[in-house]
Amino acid sequence: METLGVEQGMENHLHNCRMKMGVTIREIREKKGYNQEQLAKIMKVSRTTISKIENGKFNCSLDYLSMFS
């Protein structure tokens, strides 16, 4: 039973990290004056991918994160 609690805690932590990262990416995008479509074109991904990243529904790899820099 303890393992299930640890796994759930880790999943919650990862979800919270994805949400914080998504909010930060959205804030930076908006500050730079880009909409999701423009950023997607720059990054060579779909607008849907940008939306998923910003809403914490996409597990970004380091490769994706490096494209934001």
N, C-alpha and C. Protein backbone atom coordinates (compact mmCIF):
# COMPACT_ATOMS: atom_id res chain seq x y z
N MET A 1 0.81 -1.20 0.00
CA MET A 1 0.00 0.00 0.00
C MET A 1 0.86 1.27 0.00
N GLU A 2 1.98 1.23 0.70
CA GLU A 2 2.86 2.40 0.78
C GLU A 2 3.38 2.78 -0.60
N THR A 3 3.69 1.78 -1.42
CA THR A 3 4.21 2.03 -2.76
C THR A 3 3.21 2.81 -3.60
N LEU A 4 1.93 2.47 -3.50
CA LEU A 4 0.89 3.17 -4.24
C LEU A 4 0.85 4.65 -3.85
N GLY A 5 0.99 4.93 -2.57
CA GLY A 5 1.00 6.32 -2.10
C GLY A 5 2.20 7.09 -2.63
N VAL A 6 3.35 6.44 -2.66
CA VAL A 6 4.56 7.08 -3.19
C VAL A 6 4.39 7.35 -4.68
N GLU A 7 3.87 6.37 -5.42
CA GLU A 7 3.65 6.55 -6.86
C GLU A 7 2.68 7.68 -7.14
N GLN A 8 1.60 7.76 -6.38
CA GLN A 8 0.62 8.83 -6.56
C GLN A 8 1.24 10.18 -6.22
N GLY A 9 2.05 10.21 -5.19
CA GLY A 9 2.72 11.45 -4.82
C GLY A 9 3.68 11.91 -5.91
N MET A 10 4.39 10.97 -6.52
CA MET A 10 5.31 11.31 -7.60
C MET A 10 4.54 11.79 -8.82
N GLU A 11 3.44 11.14 -9.14
CA GLU A 11 2.62 11.55 -10.28
C GLU A 11 2.08 12.97 -10.06
N ASN A 12 1.62 13.25 -8.86
CA ASN A 12 1.15 14.61 -8.54
C ASN A 12 2.26 15.63 -8.68
N HIS A 13 3.44 15.27 -8.21
CA HIS A 13 4.59 16.18 -8.30
C HIS A 13 4.94 16.46 -9.77
N LEU A 14 4.97 15.41 -10.59
CA LEU A 14 5.28 15.60 -12.01
C LEU A 14 4.21 16.44 -12.71
N HIS A 15 2.96 16.21 -12.36
CA HIS A 15 1.87 17.00 -12.94
C HIS A 15 2.03 18.48 -12.56
N ASN A 16 2.33 18.74 -11.30
CA ASN A 16 2.53 20.12 -10.85
C ASN A 16 3.70 20.77 -11.57
N CYS A 17 4.77 20.03 -11.78
CA CYS A 17 5.93 20.56 -12.51
C CYS A 17 5.56 20.90 -13.94
N ARG A 18 4.80 20.00 -14.61
CA ARG A 18 4.37 20.27 -15.99
C ARG A 18 3.48 21.50 -16.04
N MET A 19 2.61 21.66 -15.06
CA MET A 19 1.72 22.83 -15.03
C MET A 19 2.52 24.12 -14.84
N LYS A 20 3.46 24.12 -13.92
CA LYS A 20 4.29 25.31 -13.69
C LYS A 20 5.10 25.66 -14.92
N MET A 21 5.67 24.64 -15.55
CA MET A 21 6.46 24.87 -16.75
C MET A 21 5.58 25.44 -17.86
N GLY A 22 4.39 24.89 -18.02
CA GLY A 22 3.47 25.37 -19.05
C GLY A 22 3.07 26.82 -18.84
N VAL A 23 2.79 27.18 -17.60
CA VAL A 23 2.42 28.56 -17.28
C VAL A 23 3.58 29.49 -17.59
N THR A 24 4.78 29.08 -17.23
CA THR A 24 5.96 29.90 -17.50
C THR A 24 6.18 30.09 -18.99
N ILE A 25 6.05 29.01 -19.75
CA ILE A 25 6.22 29.09 -21.20
C ILE A 25 5.16 30.01 -21.81
N ARG A 26 3.92 29.89 -21.36
CA ARG A 26 2.85 30.76 -21.86
C ARG A 26 3.15 32.22 -21.55
N GLU A 27 3.59 32.51 -20.33
CA GLU A 27 3.91 33.88 -19.94
C GLU A 27 5.02 34.46 -20.81
N ILE A 28 6.05 33.68 -21.05
CA ILE A 28 7.17 34.14 -21.89
C ILE A 28 6.69 34.36 -23.32
N ARG A 29 5.90 33.42 -23.83
CA ARG A 29 5.38 33.55 -25.19
C ARG A 29 4.57 34.82 -25.34
N GLU A 30 3.68 35.07 -24.40
CA GLU A 30 2.83 36.26 -24.46
C GLU A 30 3.66 37.53 -24.30
N LYS A 31 4.65 37.49 -23.42
CA LYS A 31 5.52 38.66 -23.21
C LYS A 31 6.26 39.02 -24.49
N LYS A 32 6.62 38.00 -25.27
CA LYS A 32 7.33 38.24 -26.53
C LYS A 32 6.37 38.58 -27.68
N GLY A 33 5.06 38.51 -27.41
CA GLY A 33 4.07 38.90 -28.40
C GLY A 33 3.73 37.83 -29.43
N TYR A 34 4.03 36.58 -29.12
CA TYR A 34 3.71 35.48 -30.04
C TYR A 34 2.38 34.84 -29.66
N ASN A 35 1.64 34.40 -30.66
CA ASN A 35 0.50 33.53 -30.36
C ASN A 35 0.99 32.09 -30.49
N GLN A 36 0.14 31.13 -30.17
CA GLN A 36 0.57 29.73 -30.20
C GLN A 36 0.96 29.29 -31.61
N GLU A 37 0.24 29.76 -32.60
CA GLU A 37 0.54 29.38 -33.99
C GLU A 37 1.93 29.86 -34.40
N GLN A 38 2.27 31.09 -34.03
CA GLN A 38 3.58 31.64 -34.37
C GLN A 38 4.70 30.87 -33.69
N LEU A 39 4.52 30.58 -32.41
CA LEU A 39 5.54 29.83 -31.68
C LEU A 39 5.68 28.43 -32.25
N ALA A 40 4.57 27.81 -32.59
CA ALA A 40 4.62 26.47 -33.18
C ALA A 40 5.41 26.46 -34.47
N LYS A 41 5.22 27.49 -35.29
CA LYS A 41 5.95 27.57 -36.56
C LYS A 41 7.45 27.72 -36.30
N ILE A 42 7.82 28.56 -35.35
CA ILE A 42 9.22 28.76 -35.00
C ILE A 42 9.85 27.45 -34.52
N MET A 43 9.10 26.71 -33.70
CA MET A 43 9.62 25.47 -33.11
C MET A 43 9.44 24.26 -34.01
N LYS A 44 8.71 24.45 -35.12
CA LYS A 44 8.45 23.34 -36.05
C LYS A 44 7.68 22.20 -35.39
N VAL A 45 6.65 22.60 -34.64
CA VAL A 45 5.71 21.66 -34.03
C VAL A 45 4.30 22.16 -34.31
N SER A 46 3.31 21.39 -33.97
CA SER A 46 1.93 21.83 -34.19
C SER A 46 1.48 22.80 -33.10
N ARG A 47 0.46 23.59 -33.42
CA ARG A 47 -0.12 24.48 -32.42
C ARG A 47 -0.69 23.66 -31.28
N THR A 48 -1.23 22.48 -31.60
CA THR A 48 -1.78 21.60 -30.58
C THR A 48 -0.71 21.19 -29.57
N THR A 49 0.49 20.94 -30.04
CA THR A 49 1.59 20.59 -29.13
C THR A 49 1.89 21.74 -28.19
N ILE A 50 1.92 22.96 -28.71
CA ILE A 50 2.15 24.13 -27.85
C ILE A 50 1.06 24.23 -26.81
N SER A 51 -0.18 24.04 -27.23
CA SER A 51 -1.30 24.09 -26.29
C SER A 51 -1.16 23.04 -25.20
N LYS A 52 -0.82 21.83 -25.59
CA LYS A 52 -0.65 20.75 -24.60
C LYS A 52 0.48 21.06 -23.63
N ILE A 53 1.57 21.60 -24.13
CA ILE A 53 2.70 21.97 -23.26
C ILE A 53 2.25 23.02 -22.26
N GLU A 54 1.57 24.06 -22.75
CA GLU A 54 1.15 25.15 -21.88
C GLU A 54 0.10 24.72 -20.86
N ASN A 55 -0.65 23.66 -21.17
CA ASN A 55 -1.68 23.18 -20.25
C ASN A 55 -1.23 21.98 -19.41
N GLY A 56 0.06 21.68 -19.46
CA GLY A 56 0.60 20.61 -18.62
C GLY A 56 0.19 19.21 -19.06
N LYS A 57 -0.24 19.06 -20.29
CA LYS A 57 -0.71 17.76 -20.78
C LYS A 57 0.31 17.08 -21.69
N PHE A 58 1.51 17.62 -21.74
CA PHE A 58 2.56 17.08 -22.60
C PHE A 58 3.83 16.97 -21.80
N ASN A 59 4.42 15.81 -21.80
CA ASN A 59 5.65 15.60 -21.04
C ASN A 59 6.83 16.01 -21.93
N CYS A 60 7.34 17.20 -21.72
CA CYS A 60 8.42 17.76 -22.56
C CYS A 60 9.73 17.04 -22.32
N SER A 61 10.39 16.74 -23.41
CA SER A 61 11.75 16.21 -23.32
C SER A 61 12.72 17.38 -23.25
N LEU A 62 13.95 17.08 -22.95
CA LEU A 62 14.97 18.12 -22.95
C LEU A 62 15.12 18.74 -24.35
N ASP A 63 14.89 17.92 -25.38
CA ASP A 63 14.96 18.43 -26.74
C ASP A 63 13.93 19.54 -26.97
N TYR A 64 12.70 19.33 -26.52
CA TYR A 64 11.68 20.36 -26.65
C TYR A 64 12.05 21.59 -25.84
N LEU A 65 12.48 21.38 -24.61
CA LEU A 65 12.83 22.51 -23.75
C LEU A 65 13.96 23.34 -24.35
N SER A 66 14.92 22.67 -24.97
CA SER A 66 16.03 23.42 -25.57
C SER A 66 15.56 24.27 -26.74
N MET A 67 14.48 23.87 -27.41
CA MET A 67 13.96 24.68 -28.52
C MET A 67 13.36 25.98 -28.01
N PHE A 68 12.90 26.01 -26.77
CA PHE A 68 12.33 27.23 -26.20
C PHE A 68 13.40 28.27 -25.86
N SER A 69 14.63 27.81 -25.68
CA SER A 69 15.69 28.74 -25.25
C SER A 69 16.23 29.57 -26.38
